[in-house]
Amino acid sequence: MKTLKTKLISRKFLTALAGLITGLATIFGIDEAVISTVAGAVISVGAVVAYIITEGRVDAARAAKAAENVVKAVEAVEAMETMETAETAETAETAETAADGQQSGGIAAGWTDSDISPDNQ
């Protein structure tokens, strides 16, 4: 169906249709000015219709691409937020471990009793 629709609005078909109308009008003895006017109208309308349909398809493709880019951007932001949340949790865990080490005299941080003895000062 799409192929038939495309063929019916093609410039080639419309030109052929204008030629057919012109030929029939000539056979029936219609004035040449009327024939030229009708043929010109058929070609003009066909060109406008083809232009509108083509621009509609281009706009639809552009809108689809823009929507795809928005989805990608949202996914990227969500991924960054997930990474930041994981880094924040890791930082909090590291800070908690360091605080535990300071409360136990520094042993958790790799210090020994000799490092904090008064003789080393």
PDB file of N, CA and C in Angstrom:
ATOM      1  N   MET A   1       0.826  -1.201   0.000  1.00  0.00           N
ATOM      2  CA  MET A   1       0.000   0.000   0.000  1.00  0.00           C
ATOM      3  C   MET A   1       0.864   1.257   0.000  1.00  0.00           C
ATOM      4  N   LYS A   2       1.943   1.194   0.800  1.00  0.00           N
ATOM      5  CA  LYS A   2       2.830   2.358   0.871  1.00  0.00           C
ATOM      6  C   LYS A   2       3.471   2.627  -0.493  1.00  0.00           C
ATOM      7  N   THR A   3       3.830   1.568  -1.202  1.00  0.00           N
ATOM      8  CA  THR A   3       4.452   1.728  -2.512  1.00  0.00           C
ATOM      9  C   THR A   3       3.474   2.378  -3.490  1.00  0.00           C
ATOM     10  N   LEU A   4       2.220   1.951  -3.458  1.00  0.00           N
ATOM     11  CA  LEU A   4       1.217   2.524  -4.353  1.00  0.00           C
ATOM     12  C   LEU A   4       1.011   4.007  -4.040  1.00  0.00           C
ATOM     13  N   LYS A   5       0.929   4.323  -2.755  1.00  0.00           N
ATOM     14  CA  LYS A   5       0.741   5.715  -2.347  1.00  0.00           C
ATOM     15  C   LYS A   5       1.920   6.567  -2.810  1.00  0.00           C
ATOM     16  N   THR A   6       3.124   6.035  -2.643  1.00  0.00           N
ATOM     17  CA  THR A   6       4.328   6.752  -3.064  1.00  0.00           C
ATOM     18  C   THR A   6       4.312   6.980  -4.576  1.00  0.00           C
ATOM     19  N   LYS A   7       3.896   5.974  -5.320  1.00  0.00           N
ATOM     20  CA  LYS A   7       3.856   6.110  -6.783  1.00  0.00           C
ATOM     21  C   LYS A   7       2.802   7.115  -7.233  1.00  0.00           C
ATOM     22  N   LEU A   8       1.664   7.145  -6.521  1.00  0.00           N
ATOM     23  CA  LEU A   8       0.598   8.066  -6.918  1.00  0.00           C
ATOM     24  C   LEU A   8       0.959   9.528  -6.691  1.00  0.00           C
ATOM     25  N   ILE A   9       1.844   9.797  -5.743  1.00  0.00           N
ATOM     26  CA  ILE A   9       2.229  11.195  -5.506  1.00  0.00           C
ATOM     27  C   ILE A   9       3.594  11.535  -6.100  1.00  0.00           C
ATOM     28  N   SER A  10       4.157  10.602  -6.870  1.00  0.00           N
ATOM     29  CA  SER A  10       5.464  10.889  -7.464  1.00  0.00           C
ATOM     30  C   SER A  10       5.317  11.901  -8.600  1.00  0.00           C
ATOM     31  N   ARG A  11       6.369  12.625  -8.846  1.00  0.00           N
ATOM     32  CA  ARG A  11       6.342  13.630  -9.912  1.00  0.00           C
ATOM     33  C   ARG A  11       6.169  12.976 -11.281  1.00  0.00           C
ATOM     34  N   LYS A  12       6.755  11.796 -11.440  1.00  0.00           N
ATOM     35  CA  LYS A  12       6.627  11.099 -12.726  1.00  0.00           C
ATOM     36  C   LYS A  12       5.165  10.755 -13.015  1.00  0.00           C
ATOM     37  N   PHE A  13       4.490  10.226 -12.007  1.00  0.00           N
ATOM     38  CA  PHE A  13       3.080   9.874 -12.194  1.00  0.00           C
ATOM     39  C   PHE A  13       2.243  11.114 -12.476  1.00  0.00           C
ATOM     40  N   LEU A  14       2.489  12.163 -11.697  1.00  0.00           N
ATOM     41  CA  LEU A  14       1.714  13.387 -11.888  1.00  0.00           C
ATOM     42  C   LEU A  14       1.969  14.003 -13.262  1.00  0.00           C
ATOM     43  N   THR A  15       3.204  13.901 -13.736  1.00  0.00           N
ATOM     44  CA  THR A  15       3.513  14.400 -15.079  1.00  0.00           C
ATOM     45  C   THR A  15       2.787  13.561 -16.136  1.00  0.00           C
ATOM     46  N   ALA A  16       2.773  12.245 -15.913  1.00  0.00           N
ATOM     47  CA  ALA A  16       2.053  11.371 -16.842  1.00  0.00           C
ATOM     48  C   ALA A  16       0.557  11.675 -16.814  1.00  0.00           C
ATOM     49  N   LEU A  17       0.022  11.927 -15.616  1.00  0.00           N
ATOM     50  CA  LEU A  17      -1.395  12.261 -15.482  1.00  0.00           C
ATOM     51  C   LEU A  17      -1.705  13.569 -16.202  1.00  0.00           C
ATOM     52  N   ALA A  18      -0.834  14.547 -16.036  1.00  0.00           N
ATOM     53  CA  ALA A  18      -1.021  15.821 -16.741  1.00  0.00           C
ATOM     54  C   ALA A  18      -0.985  15.610 -18.251  1.00  0.00           C
ATOM     55  N   GLY A  19      -0.086  14.754 -18.715  1.00  0.00           N
ATOM     56  CA  GLY A  19      -0.015  14.447 -20.154  1.00  0.00           C
ATOM     57  C   GLY A  19      -1.278  13.761 -20.643  1.00  0.00           C
ATOM     58  N   LEU A  20      -1.813  12.854 -19.834  1.00  0.00           N
ATOM     59  CA  LEU A  20      -3.052  12.165 -20.203  1.00  0.00           C
ATOM     60  C   LEU A  20      -4.210  13.152 -20.274  1.00  0.00           C
ATOM     61  N   ILE A  21      -4.305  14.010 -19.264  1.00  0.00           N
ATOM     62  CA  ILE A  21      -5.380  15.009 -19.246  1.00  0.00           C
ATOM     63  C   ILE A  21      -5.251  15.950 -20.438  1.00  0.00           C
ATOM     64  N   THR A  22      -4.022  16.345 -20.732  1.00  0.00           N
ATOM     65  CA  THR A  22      -3.789  17.239 -21.873  1.00  0.00           C
ATOM     66  C   THR A  22      -4.197  16.560 -23.174  1.00  0.00           C
ATOM     67  N   GLY A  23      -3.808  15.308 -23.318  1.00  0.00           N
ATOM     68  CA  GLY A  23      -4.174  14.567 -24.537  1.00  0.00           C
ATOM     69  C   GLY A  23      -5.667  14.413 -24.685  1.00  0.00           C
ATOM     70  N   LEU A  24      -6.365  14.055 -23.604  1.00  0.00           N
ATOM     71  CA  LEU A  24      -7.824  13.903 -23.664  1.00  0.00           C
ATOM     72  C   LEU A  24      -8.498  15.238 -23.949  1.00  0.00           C
ATOM     73  N   ALA A  25      -7.981  16.299 -23.344  1.00  0.00           N
ATOM     74  CA  ALA A  25      -8.570  17.623 -23.569  1.00  0.00           C
ATOM     75  C   ALA A  25      -8.407  18.036 -25.025  1.00  0.00           C
ATOM     76  N   THR A  26      -7.263  17.712 -25.610  1.00  0.00           N
ATOM     77  CA  THR A  26      -7.017  18.047 -27.013  1.00  0.00           C
ATOM     78  C   THR A  26      -7.981  17.267 -27.906  1.00  0.00           C
ATOM     79  N   ILE A  27      -8.188  15.999 -27.558  1.00  0.00           N
ATOM     80  CA  ILE A  27      -9.092  15.164 -28.367  1.00  0.00           C
ATOM     81  C   ILE A  27     -10.509  15.733 -28.352  1.00  0.00           C
ATOM     82  N   PHE A  28     -10.932  16.195 -27.173  1.00  0.00           N
ATOM     83  CA  PHE A  28     -12.292  16.716 -27.057  1.00  0.00           C
ATOM     84  C   PHE A  28     -12.418  18.177 -27.484  1.00  0.00           C
ATOM     85  N   GLY A  29     -11.342  18.784 -27.986  1.00  0.00           N
ATOM     86  CA  GLY A  29     -11.394  20.121 -28.553  1.00  0.00           C
ATOM     87  C   GLY A  29     -11.475  21.241 -27.521  1.00  0.00           C
ATOM     88  N   ILE A  30     -10.945  21.031 -26.365  1.00  0.00           N
ATOM     89  CA  ILE A  30     -10.942  22.079 -25.339  1.00  0.00           C
ATOM     90  C   ILE A  30      -9.864  23.100 -25.693  1.00  0.00           C
ATOM     91  N   ASP A  31     -10.106  24.337 -25.328  1.00  0.00           N
ATOM     92  CA  ASP A  31      -9.200  25.449 -25.623  1.00  0.00           C
ATOM     93  C   ASP A  31      -7.811  25.188 -25.016  1.00  0.00           C
ATOM     94  N   GLU A  32      -6.767  25.578 -25.735  1.00  0.00           N
ATOM     95  CA  GLU A  32      -5.386  25.346 -25.285  1.00  0.00           C
ATOM     96  C   GLU A  32      -5.065  26.061 -23.976  1.00  0.00           C
ATOM     97  N   ALA A  33      -5.636  27.216 -23.756  1.00  0.00           N
ATOM     98  CA  ALA A  33      -5.400  27.951 -22.515  1.00  0.00           C
ATOM     99  C   ALA A  33      -5.928  27.158 -21.316  1.00  0.00           C
ATOM    100  N   VAL A  34      -7.083  26.547 -21.491  1.00  0.00           N
ATOM    101  CA  VAL A  34      -7.659  25.722 -20.401  1.00  0.00           C
ATOM    102  C   VAL A  34      -6.788  24.496 -20.180  1.00  0.00           C
ATOM    103  N   ILE A  35      -6.328  23.884 -21.246  1.00  0.00           N
ATOM    104  CA  ILE A  35      -5.473  22.699 -21.139  1.00  0.00           C
ATOM    105  C   ILE A  35      -4.197  23.039 -20.365  1.00  0.00           C
ATOM    106  N   SER A  36      -3.573  24.145 -20.729  1.00  0.00           N
ATOM    107  CA  SER A  36      -2.333  24.561 -20.042  1.00  0.00           C
ATOM    108  C   SER A  36      -2.593  24.847 -18.572  1.00  0.00           C
ATOM    109  N   THR A  37      -3.720  25.475 -18.284  1.00  0.00           N
ATOM    110  CA  THR A  37      -4.059  25.798 -16.899  1.00  0.00           C
ATOM    111  C   THR A  37      -4.269  24.527 -16.081  1.00  0.00           C
ATOM    112  N   VAL A  38      -4.991  23.585 -16.612  1.00  0.00           N
ATOM    113  CA  VAL A  38      -5.261  22.328 -15.897  1.00  0.00           C
ATOM    114  C   VAL A  38      -3.962  21.543 -15.701  1.00  0.00           C
ATOM    115  N   ALA A  39      -3.161  21.432 -16.734  1.00  0.00           N
ATOM    116  CA  ALA A  39      -1.897  20.691 -16.624  1.00  0.00           C
ATOM    117  C   ALA A  39      -0.978  21.347 -15.600  1.00  0.00           C
ATOM    118  N   GLY A  40      -0.905  22.655 -15.612  1.00  0.00           N
ATOM    119  CA  GLY A  40      -0.082  23.376 -14.632  1.00  0.00           C
ATOM    120  C   GLY A  40      -0.590  23.190 -13.213  1.00  0.00           C
ATOM    121  N   ALA A  41      -1.907  23.188 -13.050  1.00  0.00           N
ATOM    122  CA  ALA A  41      -2.496  22.990 -11.718  1.00  0.00           C
ATOM    123  C   ALA A  41      -2.186  21.595 -11.188  1.00  0.00           C
ATOM    124  N   VAL A  42      -2.292  20.591 -12.030  1.00  0.00           N
ATOM    125  CA  VAL A  42      -2.007  19.208 -11.609  1.00  0.00           C
ATOM    126  C   VAL A  42      -0.554  19.091 -11.171  1.00  0.00           C
ATOM    127  N   ILE A  43       0.363  19.619 -11.937  1.00  0.00           N
ATOM    128  CA  ILE A  43       1.779  19.550 -11.593  1.00  0.00           C
ATOM    129  C   ILE A  43       2.062  20.338 -10.319  1.00  0.00           C
ATOM    130  N   SER A  44       1.477  21.520 -10.186  1.00  0.00           N
ATOM    131  CA  SER A  44       1.707  22.348  -8.984  1.00  0.00           C
ATOM    132  C   SER A  44       1.190  21.669  -7.722  1.00  0.00           C
ATOM    133  N   VAL A  45      -0.020  21.161  -7.783  1.00  0.00           N
ATOM    134  CA  VAL A  45      -0.595  20.473  -6.617  1.00  0.00           C
ATOM    135  C   VAL A  45       0.242  19.255  -6.266  1.00  0.00           C
ATOM    136  N   GLY A  46       0.650  18.522  -7.250  1.00  0.00           N
ATOM    137  CA  GLY A  46       1.479  17.337  -7.008  1.00  0.00           C
ATOM    138  C   GLY A  46       2.802  17.687  -6.338  1.00  0.00           C
ATOM    139  N   ALA A  47       3.421  18.758  -6.803  1.00  0.00           N
ATOM    140  CA  ALA A  47       4.698  19.172  -6.206  1.00  0.00           C
ATOM    141  C   ALA A  47       4.507  19.590  -4.748  1.00  0.00           C
ATOM    142  N   VAL A  48       3.435  20.320  -4.467  1.00  0.00           N
ATOM    143  CA  VAL A  48       3.169  20.765  -3.097  1.00  0.00           C
ATOM    144  C   VAL A  48       2.900  19.564  -2.189  1.00  0.00           C
ATOM    145  N   VAL A  49       2.090  18.630  -2.655  1.00  0.00           N
ATOM    146  CA  VAL A  49       1.779  17.433  -1.861  1.00  0.00           C
ATOM    147  C   VAL A  49       3.052  16.628  -1.597  1.00  0.00           C
ATOM    148  N   ALA A  50       3.866  16.431  -2.621  1.00  0.00           N
ATOM    149  CA  ALA A  50       5.115  15.686  -2.447  1.00  0.00           C
ATOM    150  C   ALA A  50       6.035  16.389  -1.450  1.00  0.00           C
ATOM    151  N   TYR A  51       6.109  17.705  -1.533  1.00  0.00           N
ATOM    152  CA  TYR A  51       6.948  18.473  -0.606  1.00  0.00           C
ATOM    153  C   TYR A  51       6.462  18.317   0.831  1.00  0.00           C
ATOM    154  N   ILE A  52       5.156  18.440   1.035  1.00  0.00           N
ATOM    155  CA  ILE A  52       4.596  18.332   2.386  1.00  0.00           C
ATOM    156  C   ILE A  52       4.860  16.947   2.973  1.00  0.00           C
ATOM    157  N   ILE A  53       4.646  15.925   2.202  1.00  0.00           N
ATOM    158  CA  ILE A  53       4.880  14.558   2.696  1.00  0.00           C
ATOM    159  C   ILE A  53       6.355  14.334   3.001  1.00  0.00           C
ATOM    160  N   THR A  54       7.221  14.792   2.126  1.00  0.00           N
ATOM    161  CA  THR A  54       8.658  14.619   2.350  1.00  0.00           C
ATOM    162  C   THR A  54       9.112  15.359   3.599  1.00  0.00           C
ATOM    163  N   GLU A  55       8.682  16.587   3.765  1.00  0.00           N
ATOM    164  CA  GLU A  55       9.060  17.352   4.961  1.00  0.00           C
ATOM    165  C   GLU A  55       8.498  16.719   6.232  1.00  0.00           C
ATOM    166  N   GLY A  56       7.304  16.162   6.148  1.00  0.00           N
ATOM    167  CA  GLY A  56       6.727  15.463   7.295  1.00  0.00           C
ATOM    168  C   GLY A  56       7.573  14.282   7.710  1.00  0.00           C
ATOM    169  N   ARG A  57       8.058  13.534   6.740  1.00  0.00           N
ATOM    170  CA  ARG A  57       8.932  12.382   7.046  1.00  0.00           C
ATOM    171  C   ARG A  57      10.254  12.838   7.646  1.00  0.00           C
ATOM    172  N   VAL A  58      10.811  13.907   7.102  1.00  0.00           N
ATOM    173  CA  VAL A  58      12.076  14.433   7.631  1.00  0.00           C
ATOM    174  C   VAL A  58      11.892  14.906   9.068  1.00  0.00           C
ATOM    175  N   ASP A  59      10.808  15.628   9.325  1.00  0.00           N
ATOM    176  CA  ASP A  59      10.533  16.111  10.685  1.00  0.00           C
ATOM    177  C   ASP A  59      10.314  14.956  11.656  1.00  0.00           C
ATOM    178  N   ALA A  60       9.616  13.916  11.207  1.00  0.00           N
ATOM    179  CA  ALA A  60       9.379  12.746  12.064  1.00  0.00           C
ATOM    180  C   ALA A  60      10.694  12.048  12.400  1.00  0.00           C
ATOM    181  N   ALA A  61      11.569  11.918  11.418  1.00  0.00           N
ATOM    182  CA  ALA A  61      12.873  11.292  11.669  1.00  0.00           C
ATOM    183  C   ALA A  61      13.704  12.147  12.622  1.00  0.00           C
ATOM    184  N   ARG A  62      13.662  13.456  12.460  1.00  0.00           N
ATOM    185  CA  ARG A  62      14.394  14.367  13.340  1.00  0.00           C
ATOM    186  C   ARG A  62      13.857  14.276  14.770  1.00  0.00           C
ATOM    187  N   ALA A  63      12.550  14.212  14.928  1.00  0.00           N
ATOM    188  CA  ALA A  63      11.939  14.107  16.259  1.00  0.00           C
ATOM    189  C   ALA A  63      12.302  12.780  16.914  1.00  0.00           C
ATOM    190  N   ALA A  64      12.322  11.709  16.133  1.00  0.00           N
ATOM    191  CA  ALA A  64      12.696  10.407  16.681  1.00  0.00           C
ATOM    192  C   ALA A  64      14.153  10.412  17.142  1.00  0.00           C
ATOM    193  N   LYS A  65      15.020  11.037  16.373  1.00  0.00           N
ATOM    194  CA  LYS A  65      16.436  11.122  16.752  1.00  0.00           C
ATOM    195  C   LYS A  65      16.604  11.966  18.011  1.00  0.00           C
ATOM    196  N   ALA A  66      15.864  13.063  18.116  1.00  0.00           N
ATOM    197  CA  ALA A  66      15.940  13.908  19.306  1.00  0.00           C
ATOM    198  C   ALA A  66      15.448  13.156  20.533  1.00  0.00           C
ATOM    199  N   ALA A  67      14.385  12.393  20.386  1.00  0.00           N
ATOM    200  CA  ALA A  67      13.869  11.602  21.510  1.00  0.00           C
ATOM    201  C   ALA A  67      14.890  10.546  21.930  1.00  0.00           C
ATOM    202  N   GLU A  68      15.539   9.934  20.961  1.00  0.00           N
ATOM    203  CA  GLU A  68      16.578   8.936  21.257  1.00  0.00           C
ATOM    204  C   GLU A  68      17.735   9.586  22.012  1.00  0.00           C
ATOM    205  N   ASN A  69      18.133  10.783  21.610  1.00  0.00           N
ATOM    206  CA  ASN A  69      19.215  11.493  22.294  1.00  0.00           C
ATOM    207  C   ASN A  69      18.827  11.865  23.724  1.00  0.00           C
ATOM    208  N   VAL A  70      17.569  12.232  23.932  1.00  0.00           N
ATOM    209  CA  VAL A  70      17.104  12.558  25.282  1.00  0.00           C
ATOM    210  C   VAL A  70      17.156  11.321  26.171  1.00  0.00           C
ATOM    211  N   VAL A  71      16.732  10.182  25.637  1.00  0.00           N
ATOM    212  CA  VAL A  71      16.774   8.932  26.405  1.00  0.00           C
ATOM    213  C   VAL A  71      18.216   8.588  26.775  1.00  0.00           C
ATOM    214  N   LYS A  72      19.128   8.737  25.830  1.00  0.00           N
ATOM    215  CA  LYS A  72      20.540   8.461  26.116  1.00  0.00           C
ATOM    216  C   LYS A  72      21.082   9.398  27.191  1.00  0.00           C
ATOM    217  N   ALA A  73      20.702  10.666  27.129  1.00  0.00           N
ATOM    218  CA  ALA A  73      21.163  11.641  28.117  1.00  0.00           C
ATOM    219  C   ALA A  73      20.628  11.297  29.503  1.00  0.00           C
ATOM    220  N   VAL A  74      19.361  10.914  29.587  1.00  0.00           N
ATOM    221  CA  VAL A  74      18.767  10.531  30.877  1.00  0.00           C
ATOM    222  C   VAL A  74      19.477   9.309  31.434  1.00  0.00           C
ATOM    223  N   GLU A  75      19.752   8.329  30.581  1.00  0.00           N
ATOM    224  CA  GLU A  75      20.465   7.131  31.031  1.00  0.00           C
ATOM    225  C   GLU A  75      21.864   7.483  31.530  1.00  0.00           C
ATOM    226  N   ALA A  76      22.535   8.400  30.855  1.00  0.00           N
ATOM    227  CA  ALA A  76      23.877   8.807  31.277  1.00  0.00           C
ATOM    228  C   ALA A  76      23.829   9.509  32.629  1.00  0.00           C
ATOM    229  N   VAL A  77      22.843  10.377  32.824  1.00  0.00           N
ATOM    230  CA  VAL A  77      22.709  11.078  34.111  1.00  0.00           C
ATOM    231  C   VAL A  77      22.404  10.080  35.220  1.00  0.00           C
ATOM    232  N   GLU A  78      21.523   9.134  34.956  1.00  0.00           N
ATOM    233  CA  GLU A  78      21.193   8.123  35.961  1.00  0.00           C
ATOM    234  C   GLU A  78      22.417   7.282  36.304  1.00  0.00           C
ATOM    235  N   ALA A  79      23.232   6.952  35.304  1.00  0.00           N
ATOM    236  CA  ALA A  79      24.445   6.183  35.551  1.00  0.00           C
ATOM    237  C   ALA A  79      25.419   6.979  36.414  1.00  0.00           C
ATOM    238  N   MET A  80      25.529   8.286  36.129  1.00  0.00           N
ATOM    239  CA  MET A  80      26.421   9.130  36.927  1.00  0.00           C
ATOM    240  C   MET A  80      25.920   9.229  38.368  1.00  0.00           C
ATOM    241  N   GLU A  81      24.616   9.358  38.547  1.00  0.00           N
ATOM    242  CA  GLU A  81      24.053   9.430  39.893  1.00  0.00           C
ATOM    243  C   GLU A  81      24.284   8.134  40.655  1.00  0.00           C
ATOM    244  N   THR A  82      24.182   7.003  39.962  1.00  0.00           N
ATOM    245  CA  THR A  82      24.427   5.705  40.586  1.00  0.00           C
ATOM    246  C   THR A  82      25.881   5.601  41.016  1.00  0.00           C
ATOM    247  N   MET A  83      26.791   6.074  40.147  1.00  0.00           N
ATOM    248  CA  MET A  83      28.222   6.035  40.496  1.00  0.00           C
ATOM    249  C   MET A  83      28.506   6.944  41.680  1.00  0.00           C
ATOM    250  N   GLU A  84      27.896   8.128  41.706  1.00  0.00           N
ATOM    251  CA  GLU A  84      28.114   9.060  42.815  1.00  0.00           C
ATOM    252  C   GLU A  84      27.581   8.476  44.123  1.00  0.00           C
ATOM    253  N   THR A  85      26.443   7.805  44.049  1.00  0.00           N
ATOM    254  CA  THR A  85      25.873   7.182  45.240  1.00  0.00           C
ATOM    255  C   THR A  85      26.796   6.085  45.755  1.00  0.00           C
ATOM    256  N   ALA A  86      27.347   5.297  44.842  1.00  0.00           N
ATOM    257  CA  ALA A  86      28.274   4.229  45.231  1.00  0.00           C
ATOM    258  C   ALA A  86      29.550   4.817  45.826  1.00  0.00           C
ATOM    259  N   GLU A  87      30.062   5.905  45.224  1.00  0.00           N
ATOM    260  CA  GLU A  87      31.274   6.543  45.749  1.00  0.00           C
ATOM    261  C   GLU A  87      31.013   7.154  47.119  1.00  0.00           C
ATOM    262  N   THR A  88      29.846   7.738  47.308  1.00  0.00           N
ATOM    263  CA  THR A  88      29.495   8.326  48.597  1.00  0.00           C
ATOM    264  C   THR A  88      29.412   7.245  49.663  1.00  0.00           C
ATOM    265  N   ALA A  89      28.820   6.119  49.332  1.00  0.00           N
ATOM    266  CA  ALA A  89      28.725   5.009  50.284  1.00  0.00           C
ATOM    267  C   ALA A  89      30.108   4.470  50.614  1.00  0.00           C
ATOM    268  N   GLU A  90      30.960   4.367  49.603  1.00  0.00           N
ATOM    269  CA  GLU A  90      32.324   3.875  49.815  1.00  0.00           C
ATOM    270  C   GLU A  90      33.113   4.851  50.682  1.00  0.00           C
ATOM    271  N   THR A  91      32.949   6.157  50.434  1.00  0.00           N
ATOM    272  CA  THR A  91      33.631   7.179  51.228  1.00  0.00           C
ATOM    273  C   THR A  91      33.152   7.137  52.674  1.00  0.00           C
ATOM    274  N   ALA A  92      31.844   6.971  52.862  1.00  0.00           N
ATOM    275  CA  ALA A  92      31.298   6.894  54.218  1.00  0.00           C
ATOM    276  C   ALA A  92      31.838   5.663  54.936  1.00  0.00           C
ATOM    277  N   GLU A  93      31.952   4.564  54.230  1.00  0.00           N
ATOM    278  CA  GLU A  93      32.480   3.330  54.819  1.00  0.00           C
ATOM    279  C   GLU A  93      33.945   3.504  55.200  1.00  0.00           C
ATOM    280  N   THR A  94      34.727   4.171  54.340  1.00  0.00           N
ATOM    281  CA  THR A  94      36.140   4.424  54.625  1.00  0.00           C
ATOM    282  C   THR A  94      36.283   5.352  55.821  1.00  0.00           C
ATOM    283  N   ALA A  95      35.449   6.374  55.901  1.00  0.00           N
ATOM    284  CA  ALA A  95      35.505   7.309  57.024  1.00  0.00           C
ATOM    285  C   ALA A  95      35.135   6.607  58.318  1.00  0.00           C
ATOM    286  N   GLU A  96      34.172   5.715  58.234  1.00  0.00           N
ATOM    287  CA  GLU A  96      33.758   4.970  59.426  1.00  0.00           C
ATOM    288  C   GLU A  96      34.891   4.059  59.900  1.00  0.00           C
ATOM    289  N   THR A  97      35.569   3.424  58.970  1.00  0.00           N
ATOM    290  CA  THR A  97      36.703   2.553  59.320  1.00  0.00           C
ATOM    291  C   THR A  97      37.822   3.376  59.933  1.00  0.00           C
ATOM    292  N   ALA A  98      38.097   4.560  59.393  1.00  0.00           N
ATOM    293  CA  ALA A  98      39.154   5.421  59.932  1.00  0.00           C
ATOM    294  C   ALA A  98      38.785   5.903  61.331  1.00  0.00           C
ATOM    295  N   ALA A  99      37.522   6.241  61.524  1.00  0.00           N
ATOM    296  CA  ALA A  99      37.089   6.691  62.846  1.00  0.00           C
ATOM    297  C   ALA A  99      37.215   5.560  63.862  1.00  0.00           C
ATOM    298  N   ASP A 100      36.896   4.360  63.442  1.00  0.00           N
ATOM    299  CA  ASP A 100      37.051   3.201  64.334  1.00  0.00           C
ATOM    300  C   ASP A 100      38.521   3.005  64.686  1.00  0.00           C
ATOM    301  N   GLY A 101      39.397   3.234  63.716  1.00  0.00           N
ATOM    302  CA  GLY A 101      40.832   3.068  63.960  1.00  0.00           C
ATOM    303  C   GLY A 101      41.356   4.105  64.940  1.00  0.00           C
ATOM    304  N   GLN A 102      40.869   5.335  64.849  1.00  0.00           N
ATOM    305  CA  GLN A 102      41.320   6.388  65.766  1.00  0.00           C
ATOM    306  C   GLN A 102      40.824   6.112  67.173  1.00  0.00           C
ATOM    307  N   GLN A 103      39.641   5.564  67.302  1.00  0.00           N
ATOM    308  CA  GLN A 103      39.097   5.278  68.622  1.00  0.00           C
ATOM    309  C   GLN A 103      39.836   4.125  69.290  1.00  0.00           C
ATOM    310  N   SER A 104      40.421   3.240  68.517  1.00  0.00           N
ATOM    311  CA  SER A 104      41.125   2.100  69.102  1.00  0.00           C
ATOM    312  C   SER A 104      42.617   2.365  69.217  1.00  0.00           C
ATOM    313  N   GLY A 105      43.004   3.579  69.211  1.00  0.00           N
ATOM    314  CA  GLY A 105      44.406   3.919  69.416  1.00  0.00           C
ATOM    315  C   GLY A 105      45.217   3.945  68.150  1.00  0.00           C
ATOM    316  N   GLY A 106      44.589   3.889  67.003  1.00  0.00           N
ATOM    317  CA  GLY A 106      45.322   4.000  65.748  1.00  0.00           C
ATOM    318  C   GLY A 106      45.776   2.669  65.200  1.00  0.00           C
ATOM    319  N   ILE A 107      45.477   1.589  65.855  1.00  0.00           N
ATOM    320  CA  ILE A 107      45.944   0.287  65.380  1.00  0.00           C
ATOM    321  C   ILE A 107      45.283  -0.075  64.054  1.00  0.00           C
ATOM    322  N   ALA A 108      44.010   0.303  63.881  1.00  0.00           N
ATOM    323  CA  ALA A 108      43.318  -0.011  62.632  1.00  0.00           C
ATOM    324  C   ALA A 108      43.919   0.748  61.465  1.00  0.00           C
ATOM    325  N   ALA A 109      44.555   1.866  61.723  1.00  0.00           N
ATOM    326  CA  ALA A 109      45.151   2.653  60.653  1.00  0.00           C
ATOM    327  C   ALA A 109      46.575   2.208  60.358  1.00  0.00           C
ATOM    328  N   GLY A 110      47.032   1.141  61.012  1.00  0.00           N
ATOM    329  CA  GLY A 110      48.383   0.635  60.767  1.00  0.00           C
ATOM    330  C   GLY A 110      49.406   1.142  61.756  1.00  0.00           C
ATOM    331  N   TRP A 111      48.986   1.808  62.810  1.00  0.00           N
ATOM    332  CA  TRP A 111      49.913   2.295  63.816  1.00  0.00           C
ATOM    333  C   TRP A 111      50.133   1.209  64.856  1.00  0.00           C
ATOM    334  N   THR A 112      51.240   1.276  65.453  1.00  0.00           N
ATOM    335  CA  THR A 112      51.518   0.373  66.572  1.00  0.00           C
ATOM    336  C   THR A 112      51.648   1.196  67.840  1.00  0.00           C
ATOM    337  N   ASP A 113      51.696   0.509  68.955  1.00  0.00           N
ATOM    338  CA  ASP A 113      51.822   1.215  70.234  1.00  0.00           C
ATOM    339  C   ASP A 113      53.130   1.994  70.296  1.00  0.00           C
ATOM    340  N   SER A 114      54.169   1.490  69.636  1.00  0.00           N
ATOM    341  CA  SER A 114      55.461   2.206  69.697  1.00  0.00           C
ATOM    342  C   SER A 114      55.383   3.519  68.915  1.00  0.00           C
ATOM    343  N   ASP A 115      54.494   3.600  67.888  1.00  0.00           N
ATOM    344  CA  ASP A 115      54.351   4.843  67.115  1.00  0.00           C
ATOM    345  C   ASP A 115      53.737   5.955  67.949  1.00  0.00           C
ATOM    346  N   ILE A 116      52.941   5.628  68.918  1.00  0.00           N
ATOM    347  CA  ILE A 116      52.264   6.660  69.694  1.00  0.00           C
ATOM    348  C   ILE A 116      52.792   6.738  71.129  1.00  0.00           C
ATOM    349  N   SER A 117      53.891   6.050  71.399  1.00  0.00           N
ATOM    350  CA  SER A 117      54.424   6.089  72.763  1.00  0.00           C
ATOM    351  C   SER A 117      55.120   7.434  73.027  1.00  0.00           C
ATOM    352  N   PRO A 118      55.185   7.851  74.269  1.00  0.00           N
ATOM    353  CA  PRO A 118      55.798   9.134  74.576  1.00  0.00           C
ATOM    354  C   PRO A 118      57.298   9.190  74.252  1.00  0.00           C
ATOM    355  N   ASP A 119      57.985   8.042  74.140  1.00  0.00           N
ATOM    356  CA  ASP A 119      59.398   8.017  73.849  1.00  0.00           C
ATOM    357  C   ASP A 119      59.716   8.510  72.421  1.00  0.00           C
ATOM    358  N   ASN A 120      58.778   8.344  71.512  1.00  0.00           N
ATOM    359  CA  ASN A 120      58.986   8.725  70.100  1.00  0.00           C
ATOM    360  C   ASN A 120      58.756  10.215  69.865  1.00  0.00           C
ATOM    361  N   GLN A 121      58.295  10.955  70.831  1.00  0.00           N
ATOM    362  CA  GLN A 121      58.007  12.367  70.613  1.00  0.00           C
ATOM    363  C   GLN A 121      59.219  13.166  70.688  1.00  0.00           C
TER     364      GLN A 121
END
